[in-house]
Amino acid sequence: MKLTRKFLCGLMLLALSMLSNYMFGQAANHQYLEAQLERAGLNTISTAVSFLTLSPDARSGSMADIGVSTSPDANSMHWNPAKYAFIKEDVGISLNYTPWMRSLVPDINLSNLSAYKRLNDKSTIAASLTYFSLGEVSFTNEHGDPLGTVKPNEFSVDATYSRKFSEKISGAVAARFIYSNLTQGISNSSIGVKAGTSVAADISMFYTDPVVVGSLDGIFNFGVNISNIGSKISYDPSKLNKEFIPTNLRLGPSLLINVDDFNSFTFAVDINKLLVPTNCIMVDSVIVAGMDSDVGTIAGMIQSFYDAPGYYKVKNNGDTVHVSTFVEELQEINFSVGVEYWYNKLFAIRAGYFFEHPRKGDRQYITLGAGLRYNVFGLDLSYLVSIGQRNPLENTLRFSLLLNFDAFKAQKGR
């Protein structure tokens, strides 16, 4: 009899334990589902110093930010430094200017200066300076009292060495110093803030090969560039809080077709993916999907290919379906397609389309542009029209001025 009572009590305790675990599991699953549904709308990847991802020149800007495999020019530093090894001219300089959010504020802009020098038939060196001015900003404390007015700014200084490995392949390594001063020391926190600094590197490759398309001569190019491989940046004097910089993988092909001696077309595609961890899903400070993003730079680059947590979404019929990690990783890839037409190597017309998944920022836009080359000078213009999320460059003209010193020497020697 005593044994039976003990057995029944143990059985009841086991049943209560199982019920408790089930109810807790159901509650956790419910919280998890709610957290998933909350993020089904938008899950962008954010980084510090995002100005490093902005297109500095109007030529690439008019082809929807394409440049990893297009023909080499003075602005190759941003897109693929390995292209410099195949540049034809001996010396060149480019000055670029981009008004930013001009429909809202008059004093935010991105400026870039790039230059290169060919050392010999196989090697070229180049450098660039990119400066992002955020205009004039007034700070106040929590009571609305003015703390001061500052002019936040960010800049990067780059240098690269590009070399041919064969008649068709080149590679390059670039070094970069990054400086970001967003508050110029003004803070209403007792901790305070400081300017952030970082150093980074690019590793790139470029392949070019003459081809025949039907009866027409052409050139097929392919490029790969992993940019901004570098240390995290911190605005905290104690350096306890650090943010990733925008390490990025860019690759893609282009095809130039010479229709005749006067007309040519270039068709190009760029594919981009940020090599930065995706935000995980947390319930009560516990990661329930995805991975911890508090990792180092290299670990974050590797993790970025498989750490997307996936998500649930509600279909039109009310059913809830799960989107896998793999699908969300694909959503983090951006695509650009562009075309460039040249007449007699003097006048160009360009167009492009850029796509970013709606959950990852929803940047979708069409770009148009033109280019002119005359003796020493070259001028490029770019214009952007938003389709999805409004772009800060919407309805804004961008400018690039190029100087060809080879043409200048030739003109001077006449």
Foldseek 3Di string as FASTA:
>chain_A
DVVVVVVVVVVVVVVVVVVVVVVVVVVVVVLVQVLQAVLPQAFADDFPPCVLVDDFAQVCQQQVNDDQWPADDQSNPSRFVQNVLVDDFAKKKKWWKAQFLCVVDPPWIKIKIKMKGAPDNWKIKIKMKIKTKPQKDWDADPVRHTPDIDTWMKMKIKMKMKGDPDPFKIKMKMKMKIKTDGPVFDDPDPQTWAIKIKIFMKIKMKGKDWDQDPNWTKMKMKMKMFTGQIFWIGGGPVPPDTTHHFGKIKIWMKMKTDPDLFKIKMKIKIKMAGLAATDFGDDPNHGPFFDDRPDTRVVSSVSLQQRQRWGWHADPVGDIDTGDSNNVSVLRMKMKIKMWMGGNNAKIKIKMWIAHHSNHPGWTKIKIWMKGDDQFKIKIKMAIDTDTPDGRRHGHIIIMMMGRVVSVVVVVVD
